[in-house]
Amino acid sequence: FPPLAHSNLSLPERTALHSLSSNPNWIIKPADKEGAMVIWHVDLYRTEQRRQVSDTTSYLSLDHNPTEEHQILISHTISDFITPALCPPKPPTLWLLQVALAFPLSPSPP
């Protein structure tokens, strides 16, 4: 592997990570905290996905994808708070937010 400019992994660690990530039997995901990662066997990962999504106390089944509706609501809400007296009509941060709303990242499964 070529050296990485900002890698905190040693060459053996990067080699092991590459080997695991190219193996379809293993799934590597970021952990919830502290920049760690978790490595799941694909069968256990799928079982945990089903367990979490079928938990009706935490998840609600939707009959449609509400992302576009939420994007419109957020965009209108932000626009309502912006007045010419307080800030310009299109500050750079708003433009970036509009780009983020227009091109959302797909949510990852657990």
PDB file of N, CA and C in Angstrom:
ATOM      1  N   PHE A   1       0.841  -1.192   0.000  1.00  0.00           N
ATOM      2  CA  PHE A   1       0.000   0.000   0.000  1.00  0.00           C
ATOM      3  C   PHE A   1       0.877   1.244   0.000  1.00  0.00           C
ATOM      4  N   PRO A   2       0.477   2.256  -0.738  1.00  0.00           N
ATOM      5  CA  PRO A   2       1.249   3.495  -0.687  1.00  0.00           C
ATOM      6  C   PRO A   2       1.055   4.170   0.664  1.00  0.00           C
ATOM      7  N   PRO A   3       2.045   4.896   1.130  1.00  0.00           N
ATOM      8  CA  PRO A   3       1.882   5.574   2.419  1.00  0.00           C
ATOM      9  C   PRO A   3       0.778   6.625   2.332  1.00  0.00           C
ATOM     10  N   LEU A   4      -0.003   6.707   3.394  1.00  0.00           N
ATOM     11  CA  LEU A   4      -1.077   7.696   3.463  1.00  0.00           C
ATOM     12  C   LEU A   4      -0.586   8.904   4.242  1.00  0.00           C
ATOM     13  N   ALA A   5      -0.933  10.082   3.774  1.00  0.00           N
ATOM     14  CA  ALA A   5      -0.429  11.311   4.381  1.00  0.00           C
ATOM     15  C   ALA A   5      -0.883  11.458   5.828  1.00  0.00           C
ATOM     16  N   HIS A   6      -2.115  11.073   6.126  1.00  0.00           N
ATOM     17  CA  HIS A   6      -2.640  11.304   7.468  1.00  0.00           C
ATOM     18  C   HIS A   6      -3.191  10.033   8.103  1.00  0.00           C
ATOM     19  N   SER A   7      -2.642   8.897   7.776  1.00  0.00           N
ATOM     20  CA  SER A   7      -3.132   7.639   8.333  1.00  0.00           C
ATOM     21  C   SER A   7      -2.585   7.447   9.738  1.00  0.00           C
ATOM     22  N   ASN A   8      -3.474   6.987  10.623  1.00  0.00           N
ATOM     23  CA  ASN A   8      -3.011   6.643  11.968  1.00  0.00           C
ATOM     24  C   ASN A   8      -2.861   5.128  12.096  1.00  0.00           C
ATOM     25  N   LEU A   9      -2.915   4.427  10.971  1.00  0.00           N
ATOM     26  CA  LEU A   9      -2.758   2.977  10.970  1.00  0.00           C
ATOM     27  C   LEU A   9      -1.372   2.606  10.470  1.00  0.00           C
ATOM     28  N   SER A  10      -0.819   1.585  11.086  1.00  0.00           N
ATOM     29  CA  SER A  10       0.469   1.070  10.616  1.00  0.00           C
ATOM     30  C   SER A  10       0.233   0.283   9.327  1.00  0.00           C
ATOM     31  N   LEU A  11       1.298  -0.049   8.636  1.00  0.00           N
ATOM     32  CA  LEU A  11       1.172  -0.822   7.401  1.00  0.00           C
ATOM     33  C   LEU A  11       0.489  -2.163   7.657  1.00  0.00           C
ATOM     34  N   PRO A  12       0.855  -2.926   8.687  1.00  0.00           N
ATOM     35  CA  PRO A  12       0.137  -4.187   8.936  1.00  0.00           C
ATOM     36  C   PRO A  12      -1.359  -3.960   9.231  1.00  0.00           C
ATOM     37  N   GLU A  13      -1.689  -2.875   9.939  1.00  0.00           N
ATOM     38  CA  GLU A  13      -3.097  -2.583  10.213  1.00  0.00           C
ATOM     39  C   GLU A  13      -3.837  -2.229   8.924  1.00  0.00           C
ATOM     40  N   ARG A  14      -3.213  -1.435   8.069  1.00  0.00           N
ATOM     41  CA  ARG A  14      -3.848  -1.082   6.788  1.00  0.00           C
ATOM     42  C   ARG A  14      -4.011  -2.312   5.904  1.00  0.00           C
ATOM     43  N   THR A  15      -3.022  -3.204   5.920  1.00  0.00           N
ATOM     44  CA  THR A  15      -3.104  -4.436   5.142  1.00  0.00           C
ATOM     45  C   THR A  15      -4.253  -5.303   5.642  1.00  0.00           C
ATOM     46  N   ALA A  16      -4.383  -5.429   6.957  1.00  0.00           N
ATOM     47  CA  ALA A  16      -5.477  -6.223   7.535  1.00  0.00           C
ATOM     48  C   ALA A  16      -6.829  -5.595   7.205  1.00  0.00           C
ATOM     49  N   LEU A  17      -6.927  -4.281   7.320  1.00  0.00           N
ATOM     50  CA  LEU A  17      -8.172  -3.587   7.008  1.00  0.00           C
ATOM     51  C   LEU A  17      -8.548  -3.778   5.542  1.00  0.00           C
ATOM     52  N   HIS A  18      -7.571  -3.662   4.647  1.00  0.00           N
ATOM     53  CA  HIS A  18      -7.834  -3.881   3.219  1.00  0.00           C
ATOM     54  C   HIS A  18      -8.313  -5.310   2.973  1.00  0.00           C
ATOM     55  N   SER A  19      -7.668  -6.272   3.606  1.00  0.00           N
ATOM     56  CA  SER A  19      -8.043  -7.671   3.448  1.00  0.00           C
ATOM     57  C   SER A  19      -9.478  -7.905   3.922  1.00  0.00           C
ATOM     58  N   LEU A  20      -9.823  -7.355   5.084  1.00  0.00           N
ATOM     59  CA  LEU A  20     -11.184  -7.518   5.606  1.00  0.00           C
ATOM     60  C   LEU A  20     -12.207  -6.785   4.742  1.00  0.00           C
ATOM     61  N   SER A  21     -11.886  -5.565   4.326  1.00  0.00           N
ATOM     62  CA  SER A  21     -12.858  -4.771   3.573  1.00  0.00           C
ATOM     63  C   SER A  21     -13.113  -5.333   2.184  1.00  0.00           C
ATOM     64  N   SER A  22     -12.193  -6.104   1.641  1.00  0.00           N
ATOM     65  CA  SER A  22     -12.412  -6.701   0.325  1.00  0.00           C
ATOM     66  C   SER A  22     -13.040  -8.090   0.430  1.00  0.00           C
ATOM     67  N   ASN A  23     -13.294  -8.555   1.636  1.00  0.00           N
ATOM     68  CA  ASN A  23     -13.922  -9.864   1.853  1.00  0.00           C
ATOM     69  C   ASN A  23     -15.425  -9.658   2.026  1.00  0.00           C
ATOM     70  N   PRO A  24     -16.261 -10.221   1.154  1.00  0.00           N
ATOM     71  CA  PRO A  24     -17.710  -9.992   1.243  1.00  0.00           C
ATOM     72  C   PRO A  24     -18.371 -10.625   2.467  1.00  0.00           C
ATOM     73  N   ASN A  25     -17.634 -11.434   3.221  1.00  0.00           N
ATOM     74  CA  ASN A  25     -18.198 -12.049   4.426  1.00  0.00           C
ATOM     75  C   ASN A  25     -18.153 -11.137   5.644  1.00  0.00           C
ATOM     76  N   TRP A  26     -17.484  -9.989   5.510  1.00  0.00           N
ATOM     77  CA  TRP A  26     -17.320  -9.076   6.636  1.00  0.00           C
ATOM     78  C   TRP A  26     -17.813  -7.682   6.266  1.00  0.00           C
ATOM     79  N   ILE A  27     -18.397  -7.000   7.239  1.00  0.00           N
ATOM     80  CA  ILE A  27     -18.866  -5.636   7.057  1.00  0.00           C
ATOM     81  C   ILE A  27     -18.153  -4.761   8.083  1.00  0.00           C
ATOM     82  N   ILE A  28     -17.566  -3.672   7.599  1.00  0.00           N
ATOM     83  CA  ILE A  28     -16.838  -2.752   8.481  1.00  0.00           C
ATOM     84  C   ILE A  28     -17.592  -1.433   8.491  1.00  0.00           C
ATOM     85  N   LYS A  29     -17.937  -0.973   9.689  1.00  0.00           N
ATOM     86  CA  LYS A  29     -18.694   0.274   9.848  1.00  0.00           C
ATOM     87  C   LYS A  29     -18.056   1.113  10.944  1.00  0.00           C
ATOM     88  N   PRO A  30     -18.236   2.450  10.870  1.00  0.00           N
ATOM     89  CA  PRO A  30     -17.767   3.287  11.983  1.00  0.00           C
ATOM     90  C   PRO A  30     -18.612   3.006  13.223  1.00  0.00           C
ATOM     91  N   ALA A  31     -17.969   3.011  14.367  1.00  0.00           N
ATOM     92  CA  ALA A  31     -18.687   2.847  15.625  1.00  0.00           C
ATOM     93  C   ALA A  31     -19.360   4.163  15.990  1.00  0.00           C
ATOM     94  N   ASP A  32     -20.213   4.135  16.987  1.00  0.00           N
ATOM     95  CA  ASP A  32     -20.943   5.335  17.393  1.00  0.00           C
ATOM     96  C   ASP A  32     -20.040   6.416  17.957  1.00  0.00           C
ATOM     97  N   LYS A  33     -18.970   6.022  18.619  1.00  0.00           N
ATOM     98  CA  LYS A  33     -18.180   7.006  19.360  1.00  0.00           C
ATOM     99  C   LYS A  33     -16.687   6.823  19.137  1.00  0.00           C
ATOM    100  N   GLU A  34     -15.972   7.903  19.336  1.00  0.00           N
ATOM    101  CA  GLU A  34     -14.512   7.917  19.456  1.00  0.00           C
ATOM    102  C   GLU A  34     -13.763   7.457  18.215  1.00  0.00           C
ATOM    103  N   GLY A  35     -14.376   7.541  17.041  1.00  0.00           N
ATOM    104  CA  GLY A  35     -13.674   7.214  15.811  1.00  0.00           C
ATOM    105  C   GLY A  35     -13.291   5.760  15.658  1.00  0.00           C
ATOM    106  N   ALA A  36     -13.886   4.882  16.445  1.00  0.00           N
ATOM    107  CA  ALA A  36     -13.573   3.458  16.353  1.00  0.00           C
ATOM    108  C   ALA A  36     -14.351   2.832  15.198  1.00  0.00           C
ATOM    109  N   MET A  37     -14.044   1.610  14.887  1.00  0.00           N
ATOM    110  CA  MET A  37     -14.811   0.895  13.878  1.00  0.00           C
ATOM    111  C   MET A  37     -15.210  -0.461  14.427  1.00  0.00           C
ATOM    112  N   VAL A  38     -16.288  -1.003  13.860  1.00  0.00           N
ATOM    113  CA  VAL A  38     -16.730  -2.339  14.237  1.00  0.00           C
ATOM    114  C   VAL A  38     -16.680  -3.222  13.000  1.00  0.00           C
ATOM    115  N   ILE A  39     -16.391  -4.487  13.224  1.00  0.00           N
ATOM    116  CA  ILE A  39     -16.320  -5.458  12.143  1.00  0.00           C
ATOM    117  C   ILE A  39     -17.319  -6.555  12.466  1.00  0.00           C
ATOM    118  N   TRP A  40     -18.277  -6.738  11.563  1.00  0.00           N
ATOM    119  CA  TRP A  40     -19.347  -7.722  11.748  1.00  0.00           C
ATOM    120  C   TRP A  40     -19.247  -8.796  10.673  1.00  0.00           C
ATOM    121  N   HIS A  41     -19.530 -10.040  11.046  1.00  0.00           N
ATOM    122  CA  HIS A  41     -19.753 -11.051  10.024  1.00  0.00           C
ATOM    123  C   HIS A  41     -21.078 -10.692   9.378  1.00  0.00           C
ATOM    124  N   VAL A  42     -21.183 -10.840   8.066  1.00  0.00           N
ATOM    125  CA  VAL A  42     -22.344 -10.369   7.324  1.00  0.00           C
ATOM    126  C   VAL A  42     -23.656 -10.961   7.864  1.00  0.00           C
ATOM    127  N   ASP A  43     -23.675 -12.220   8.268  1.00  0.00           N
ATOM    128  CA  ASP A  43     -24.906 -12.830   8.794  1.00  0.00           C
ATOM    129  C   ASP A  43     -25.347 -12.162  10.093  1.00  0.00           C
ATOM    130  N   LEU A  44     -24.398 -11.909  10.986  1.00  0.00           N
ATOM    131  CA  LEU A  44     -24.736 -11.248  12.254  1.00  0.00           C
ATOM    132  C   LEU A  44     -25.176  -9.809  12.017  1.00  0.00           C
ATOM    133  N   TYR A  45     -24.535  -9.145  11.065  1.00  0.00           N
ATOM    134  CA  TYR A  45     -24.892  -7.767  10.747  1.00  0.00           C
ATOM    135  C   TYR A  45     -26.325  -7.691  10.243  1.00  0.00           C
ATOM    136  N   ARG A  46     -26.698  -8.560   9.322  1.00  0.00           N
ATOM    137  CA  ARG A  46     -28.066  -8.573   8.784  1.00  0.00           C
ATOM    138  C   ARG A  46     -29.082  -8.913   9.877  1.00  0.00           C
ATOM    139  N   THR A  47     -28.743  -9.828  10.757  1.00  0.00           N
ATOM    140  CA  THR A  47     -29.633 -10.168  11.872  1.00  0.00           C
ATOM    141  C   THR A  47     -29.843  -8.960  12.773  1.00  0.00           C
ATOM    142  N   GLU A  48     -28.769  -8.234  13.064  1.00  0.00           N
ATOM    143  CA  GLU A  48     -28.883  -7.039  13.905  1.00  0.00           C
ATOM    144  C   GLU A  48     -29.675  -5.945  13.193  1.00  0.00           C
ATOM    145  N   GLN A  49     -29.508  -5.796  11.898  1.00  0.00           N
ATOM    146  CA  GLN A  49     -30.310  -4.839  11.129  1.00  0.00           C
ATOM    147  C   GLN A  49     -31.793  -5.153  11.289  1.00  0.00           C
ATOM    148  N   ARG A  50     -32.160  -6.404  11.064  1.00  0.00           N
ATOM    149  CA  ARG A  50     -33.575  -6.795  11.169  1.00  0.00           C
ATOM    150  C   ARG A  50     -34.097  -6.573  12.588  1.00  0.00           C
ATOM    151  N   ARG A  51     -33.286  -6.896  13.583  1.00  0.00           N
ATOM    152  CA  ARG A  51     -33.717  -6.726  14.971  1.00  0.00           C
ATOM    153  C   ARG A  51     -34.021  -5.257  15.262  1.00  0.00           C
ATOM    154  N   GLN A  52     -33.121  -4.366  14.834  1.00  0.00           N
ATOM    155  CA  GLN A  52     -33.317  -2.949  15.124  1.00  0.00           C
ATOM    156  C   GLN A  52     -34.495  -2.365  14.357  1.00  0.00           C
ATOM    157  N   VAL A  53     -34.613  -2.679  13.091  1.00  0.00           N
ATOM    158  CA  VAL A  53     -35.686  -2.105  12.282  1.00  0.00           C
ATOM    159  C   VAL A  53     -37.050  -2.657  12.684  1.00  0.00           C
ATOM    160  N   SER A  54     -37.096  -3.865  13.194  1.00  0.00           N
ATOM    161  CA  SER A  54     -38.380  -4.433  13.612  1.00  0.00           C
ATOM    162  C   SER A  54     -38.789  -3.978  15.014  1.00  0.00           C
ATOM    163  N   ASP A  55     -37.959  -3.188  15.680  1.00  0.00           N
ATOM    164  CA  ASP A  55     -38.287  -2.648  17.006  1.00  0.00           C
ATOM    165  C   ASP A  55     -39.271  -1.496  16.847  1.00  0.00           C
ATOM    166  N   THR A  56     -40.552  -1.778  16.993  1.00  0.00           N
ATOM    167  CA  THR A  56     -41.583  -0.769  16.751  1.00  0.00           C
ATOM    168  C   THR A  56     -41.665   0.284  17.849  1.00  0.00           C
ATOM    169  N   THR A  57     -40.945   0.116  18.945  1.00  0.00           N
ATOM    170  CA  THR A  57     -40.905   1.180  19.949  1.00  0.00           C
ATOM    171  C   THR A  57     -39.941   2.287  19.518  1.00  0.00           C
ATOM    172  N   SER A  58     -39.007   1.965  18.604  1.00  0.00           N
ATOM    173  CA  SER A  58     -38.031   2.950  18.150  1.00  0.00           C
ATOM    174  C   SER A  58     -38.230   3.375  16.706  1.00  0.00           C
ATOM    175  N   TYR A  59     -38.816   2.517  15.897  1.00  0.00           N
ATOM    176  CA  TYR A  59     -38.980   2.795  14.474  1.00  0.00           C
ATOM    177  C   TYR A  59     -40.442   2.713  14.078  1.00  0.00           C
ATOM    178  N   LEU A  60     -40.827   3.543  13.135  1.00  0.00           N
ATOM    179  CA  LEU A  60     -42.172   3.565  12.594  1.00  0.00           C
ATOM    180  C   LEU A  60     -42.075   3.305  11.094  1.00  0.00           C
ATOM    181  N   SER A  61     -42.863   2.355  10.620  1.00  0.00           N
ATOM    182  CA  SER A  61     -42.864   2.053   9.203  1.00  0.00           C
ATOM    183  C   SER A  61     -43.590   3.177   8.449  1.00  0.00           C
ATOM    184  N   LEU A  62     -42.967   3.675   7.384  1.00  0.00           N
ATOM    185  CA  LEU A  62     -43.552   4.748   6.594  1.00  0.00           C
ATOM    186  C   LEU A  62     -44.032   4.197   5.257  1.00  0.00           C
ATOM    187  N   ASP A  63     -45.092   4.789   4.733  1.00  0.00           N
ATOM    188  CA  ASP A  63     -45.600   4.341   3.442  1.00  0.00           C
ATOM    189  C   ASP A  63     -44.949   5.091   2.272  1.00  0.00           C
ATOM    190  N   HIS A  64     -44.084   6.053   2.571  1.00  0.00           N
ATOM    191  CA  HIS A  64     -43.360   6.783   1.532  1.00  0.00           C
ATOM    192  C   HIS A  64     -42.098   7.381   2.141  1.00  0.00           C
ATOM    193  N   ASN A  65     -41.208   7.854   1.274  1.00  0.00           N
ATOM    194  CA  ASN A  65     -39.970   8.484   1.715  1.00  0.00           C
ATOM    195  C   ASN A  65     -40.236   9.981   1.913  1.00  0.00           C
ATOM    196  N   PRO A  66     -40.156  10.487   3.150  1.00  0.00           N
ATOM    197  CA  PRO A  66     -40.483  11.890   3.412  1.00  0.00           C
ATOM    198  C   PRO A  66     -39.328  12.868   3.191  1.00  0.00           C
ATOM    199  N   THR A  67     -38.216  12.417   2.654  1.00  0.00           N
ATOM    200  CA  THR A  67     -37.025  13.263   2.542  1.00  0.00           C
ATOM    201  C   THR A  67     -37.300  14.559   1.787  1.00  0.00           C
ATOM    202  N   GLU A  68     -37.949  14.474   0.634  1.00  0.00           N
ATOM    203  CA  GLU A  68     -38.190  15.683  -0.163  1.00  0.00           C
ATOM    204  C   GLU A  68     -39.090  16.663   0.594  1.00  0.00           C
ATOM    205  N   GLU A  69     -40.113  16.152   1.268  1.00  0.00           N
ATOM    206  CA  GLU A  69     -41.000  17.023   2.060  1.00  0.00           C
ATOM    207  C   GLU A  69     -40.208  17.726   3.164  1.00  0.00           C
ATOM    208  N   HIS A  70     -39.337  16.989   3.813  1.00  0.00           N
ATOM    209  CA  HIS A  70     -38.524  17.573   4.891  1.00  0.00           C
ATOM    210  C   HIS A  70     -37.558  18.620   4.338  1.00  0.00           C
ATOM    211  N   GLN A  71     -36.975  18.350   3.172  1.00  0.00           N
ATOM    212  CA  GLN A  71     -36.061  19.314   2.561  1.00  0.00           C
ATOM    213  C   GLN A  71     -36.786  20.628   2.260  1.00  0.00           C
ATOM    214  N   ILE A  72     -37.992  20.525   1.729  1.00  0.00           N
ATOM    215  CA  ILE A  72     -38.771  21.726   1.415  1.00  0.00           C
ATOM    216  C   ILE A  72     -39.117  22.484   2.694  1.00  0.00           C
ATOM    217  N   LEU A  73     -39.565  21.765   3.717  1.00  0.00           N
ATOM    218  CA  LEU A  73     -39.921  22.396   4.988  1.00  0.00           C
ATOM    219  C   LEU A  73     -38.712  23.114   5.599  1.00  0.00           C
ATOM    220  N   ILE A  74     -37.570  22.456   5.607  1.00  0.00           N
ATOM    221  CA  ILE A  74     -36.363  23.066   6.173  1.00  0.00           C
ATOM    222  C   ILE A  74     -35.953  24.288   5.366  1.00  0.00           C
ATOM    223  N   SER A  75     -35.978  24.175   4.050  1.00  0.00           N
ATOM    224  CA  SER A  75     -35.603  25.301   3.194  1.00  0.00           C
ATOM    225  C   SER A  75     -36.524  26.499   3.433  1.00  0.00           C
ATOM    226  N   HIS A  76     -37.832  26.257   3.510  1.00  0.00           N
ATOM    227  CA  HIS A  76     -38.776  27.350   3.762  1.00  0.00           C
ATOM    228  C   HIS A  76     -38.579  27.944   5.156  1.00  0.00           C
ATOM    229  N   THR A  77     -38.329  27.097   6.136  1.00  0.00           N
ATOM    230  CA  THR A  77     -38.112  27.589   7.498  1.00  0.00           C
ATOM    231  C   THR A  77     -36.885  28.486   7.564  1.00  0.00           C
ATOM    232  N   ILE A  78     -35.812  28.061   6.926  1.00  0.00           N
ATOM    233  CA  ILE A  78     -34.589  28.878   6.917  1.00  0.00           C
ATOM    234  C   ILE A  78     -34.853  30.191   6.188  1.00  0.00           C
ATOM    235  N   SER A  79     -35.535  30.116   5.056  1.00  0.00           N
ATOM    236  CA  SER A  79     -35.842  31.334   4.295  1.00  0.00           C
ATOM    237  C   SER A  79     -36.681  32.307   5.114  1.00  0.00           C
ATOM    238  N   ASP A  80     -37.620  31.777   5.900  1.00  0.00           N
ATOM    239  CA  ASP A  80     -38.475  32.632   6.730  1.00  0.00           C
ATOM    240  C   ASP A  80     -37.673  33.383   7.798  1.00  0.00           C
ATOM    241  N   PHE A  81     -36.560  32.801   8.249  1.00  0.00           N
ATOM    242  CA  PHE A  81     -35.765  33.441   9.290  1.00  0.00           C
ATOM    243  C   PHE A  81     -34.769  34.457   8.737  1.00  0.00           C
ATOM    244  N   ILE A  82     -34.536  34.411   7.449  1.00  0.00           N
ATOM    245  CA  ILE A  82     -33.578  35.336   6.845  1.00  0.00           C
ATOM    246  C   ILE A  82     -34.321  36.582   6.389  1.00  0.00           C
ATOM    247  N   THR A  83     -33.848  37.712   6.873  1.00  0.00           N
ATOM    248  CA  THR A  83     -34.418  38.987   6.420  1.00  0.00           C
ATOM    249  C   THR A  83     -33.273  39.838   5.894  1.00  0.00           C
ATOM    250  N   PRO A  84     -33.555  40.692   4.929  1.00  0.00           N
ATOM    251  CA  PRO A  84     -32.475  41.522   4.376  1.00  0.00           C
ATOM    252  C   PRO A  84     -31.787  42.385   5.430  1.00  0.00           C
ATOM    253  N   ALA A  85     -32.494  42.760   6.479  1.00  0.00           N
ATOM    254  CA  ALA A  85     -31.887  43.598   7.512  1.00  0.00           C
ATOM    255  C   ALA A  85     -30.859  42.827   8.328  1.00  0.00           C
ATOM    256  N   LEU A  86     -31.026  41.514   8.463  1.00  0.00           N
ATOM    257  CA  LEU A  86     -30.132  40.716   9.302  1.00  0.00           C
ATOM    258  C   LEU A  86     -28.957  40.127   8.532  1.00  0.00           C
ATOM    259  N   CYS A  87     -29.186  39.726   7.300  1.00  0.00           N
ATOM    260  CA  CYS A  87     -28.100  39.132   6.524  1.00  0.00           C
ATOM    261  C   CYS A  87     -28.455  39.175   5.043  1.00  0.00           C
ATOM    262  N   PRO A  88     -27.475  39.003   4.195  1.00  0.00           N
ATOM    263  CA  PRO A  88     -27.757  39.016   2.760  1.00  0.00           C
ATOM    264  C   PRO A  88     -28.658  37.841   2.376  1.00  0.00           C
ATOM    265  N   PRO A  89     -29.329  37.940   1.237  1.00  0.00           N
ATOM    266  CA  PRO A  89     -30.269  36.897   0.851  1.00  0.00           C
ATOM    267  C   PRO A  89     -29.645  35.514   0.679  1.00  0.00           C
ATOM    268  N   LYS A  90     -28.414  35.461   0.225  1.00  0.00           N
ATOM    269  CA  LYS A  90     -27.777  34.155   0.018  1.00  0.00           C
ATOM    270  C   LYS A  90     -26.362  34.146   0.589  1.00  0.00           C
ATOM    271  N   PRO A  91     -26.228  34.087   1.913  1.00  0.00           N
ATOM    272  CA  PRO A  91     -24.872  33.978   2.467  1.00  0.00           C
ATOM    273  C   PRO A  91     -24.278  32.628   2.077  1.00  0.00           C
ATOM    274  N   PRO A  92     -22.971  32.524   2.045  1.00  0.00           N
ATOM    275  CA  PRO A  92     -22.342  31.262   1.633  1.00  0.00           C
ATOM    276  C   PRO A  92     -22.834  30.066   2.429  1.00  0.00           C
ATOM    277  N   THR A  93     -23.047  30.217   3.735  1.00  0.00           N
ATOM    278  CA  THR A  93     -23.482  29.063   4.533  1.00  0.00           C
ATOM    279  C   THR A  93     -24.852  28.587   4.098  1.00  0.00           C
ATOM    280  N   LEU A  94     -25.748  29.513   3.716  1.00  0.00           N
ATOM    281  CA  LEU A  94     -27.060  29.099   3.244  1.00  0.00           C
ATOM    282  C   LEU A  94     -26.925  28.360   1.925  1.00  0.00           C
ATOM    283  N   TRP A  95     -26.039  28.856   1.059  1.00  0.00           N
ATOM    284  CA  TRP A  95     -25.843  28.174  -0.218  1.00  0.00           C
ATOM    285  C   TRP A  95     -25.372  26.743   0.010  1.00  0.00           C
ATOM    286  N   LEU A  96     -24.433  26.572   0.948  1.00  0.00           N
ATOM    287  CA  LEU A  96     -23.946  25.229   1.254  1.00  0.00           C
ATOM    288  C   LEU A  96     -25.063  24.360   1.810  1.00  0.00           C
ATOM    289  N   LEU A  97     -25.903  24.926   2.662  1.00  0.00           N
ATOM    290  CA  LEU A  97     -27.012  24.172   3.211  1.00  0.00           C
ATOM    291  C   LEU A  97     -27.986  23.780   2.103  1.00  0.00           C
ATOM    292  N   GLN A  98     -28.235  24.687   1.173  1.00  0.00           N
ATOM    293  CA  GLN A  98     -29.131  24.375   0.057  1.00  0.00           C
ATOM    294  C   GLN A  98     -28.555  23.249  -0.800  1.00  0.00           C
ATOM    295  N   VAL A  99     -27.255  23.261  -1.007  1.00  0.00           N
ATOM    296  CA  VAL A  99     -26.620  22.182  -1.761  1.00  0.00           C
ATOM    297  C   VAL A  99     -26.775  20.871  -0.993  1.00  0.00           C
ATOM    298  N   ALA A 100     -26.559  20.911   0.321  1.00  0.00           N
ATOM    299  CA  ALA A 100     -26.702  19.707   1.133  1.00  0.00           C
ATOM    300  C   ALA A 100     -28.134  19.187   1.089  1.00  0.00           C
ATOM    301  N   LEU A 101     -29.105  20.097   1.090  1.00  0.00           N
ATOM    302  CA  LEU A 101     -30.505  19.669   1.028  1.00  0.00           C
ATOM    303  C   LEU A 101     -30.842  19.128  -0.354  1.00  0.00           C
ATOM    304  N   ALA A 102     -30.255  19.686  -1.387  1.00  0.00           N
ATOM    305  CA  ALA A 102     -30.547  19.243  -2.745  1.00  0.00           C
ATOM    306  C   ALA A 102     -29.908  17.895  -3.063  1.00  0.00           C
ATOM    307  N   PHE A 103     -28.782  17.610  -2.427  1.00  0.00           N
ATOM    308  CA  PHE A 103     -28.080  16.356  -2.683  1.00  0.00           C
ATOM    309  C   PHE A 103     -27.813  15.631  -1.362  1.00  0.00           C
ATOM    310  N   PRO A 104     -28.864  15.090  -0.736  1.00  0.00           N
ATOM    311  CA  PRO A 104     -28.683  14.454   0.567  1.00  0.00           C
ATOM    312  C   PRO A 104     -27.912  13.148   0.441  1.00  0.00           C
ATOM    313  N   LEU A 105     -27.238  12.795   1.510  1.00  0.00           N
ATOM    314  CA  LEU A 105     -26.581  11.511   1.570  1.00  0.00           C
ATOM    315  C   LEU A 105     -27.626  10.460   1.876  1.00  0.00           C
ATOM    316  N   SER A 106     -27.499   9.312   1.293  1.00  0.00           N
ATOM    317  CA  SER A 106     -28.444   8.234   1.599  1.00  0.00           C
ATOM    318  C   SER A 106     -28.175   7.751   3.007  1.00  0.00           C
ATOM    319  N   PRO A 107     -29.237   7.554   3.814  1.00  0.00           N
ATOM    320  CA  PRO A 107     -28.999   7.050   5.164  1.00  0.00           C
ATOM    321  C   PRO A 107     -28.433   5.638   5.106  1.00  0.00           C
ATOM    322  N   SER A 108     -27.496   5.352   5.997  1.00  0.00           N
ATOM    323  CA  SER A 108     -26.893   4.024   6.061  1.00  0.00           C
ATOM    324  C   SER A 108     -27.709   3.130   6.970  1.00  0.00           C
ATOM    325  N   PRO A 109     -27.793   1.856   6.644  1.00  0.00           N
ATOM    326  CA  PRO A 109     -28.462   0.945   7.572  1.00  0.00           C
ATOM    327  C   PRO A 109     -27.611   0.781   8.820  1.00  0.00           C
ATOM    328  N   PRO A 110     -28.183   0.336   9.907  1.00  0.00           N
ATOM    329  CA  PRO A 110     -27.393   0.183  11.151  1.00  0.00           C
ATOM    330  C   PRO A 110     -26.277  -0.800  10.984  1.00  0.00           C
TER     331      PRO A 110
END
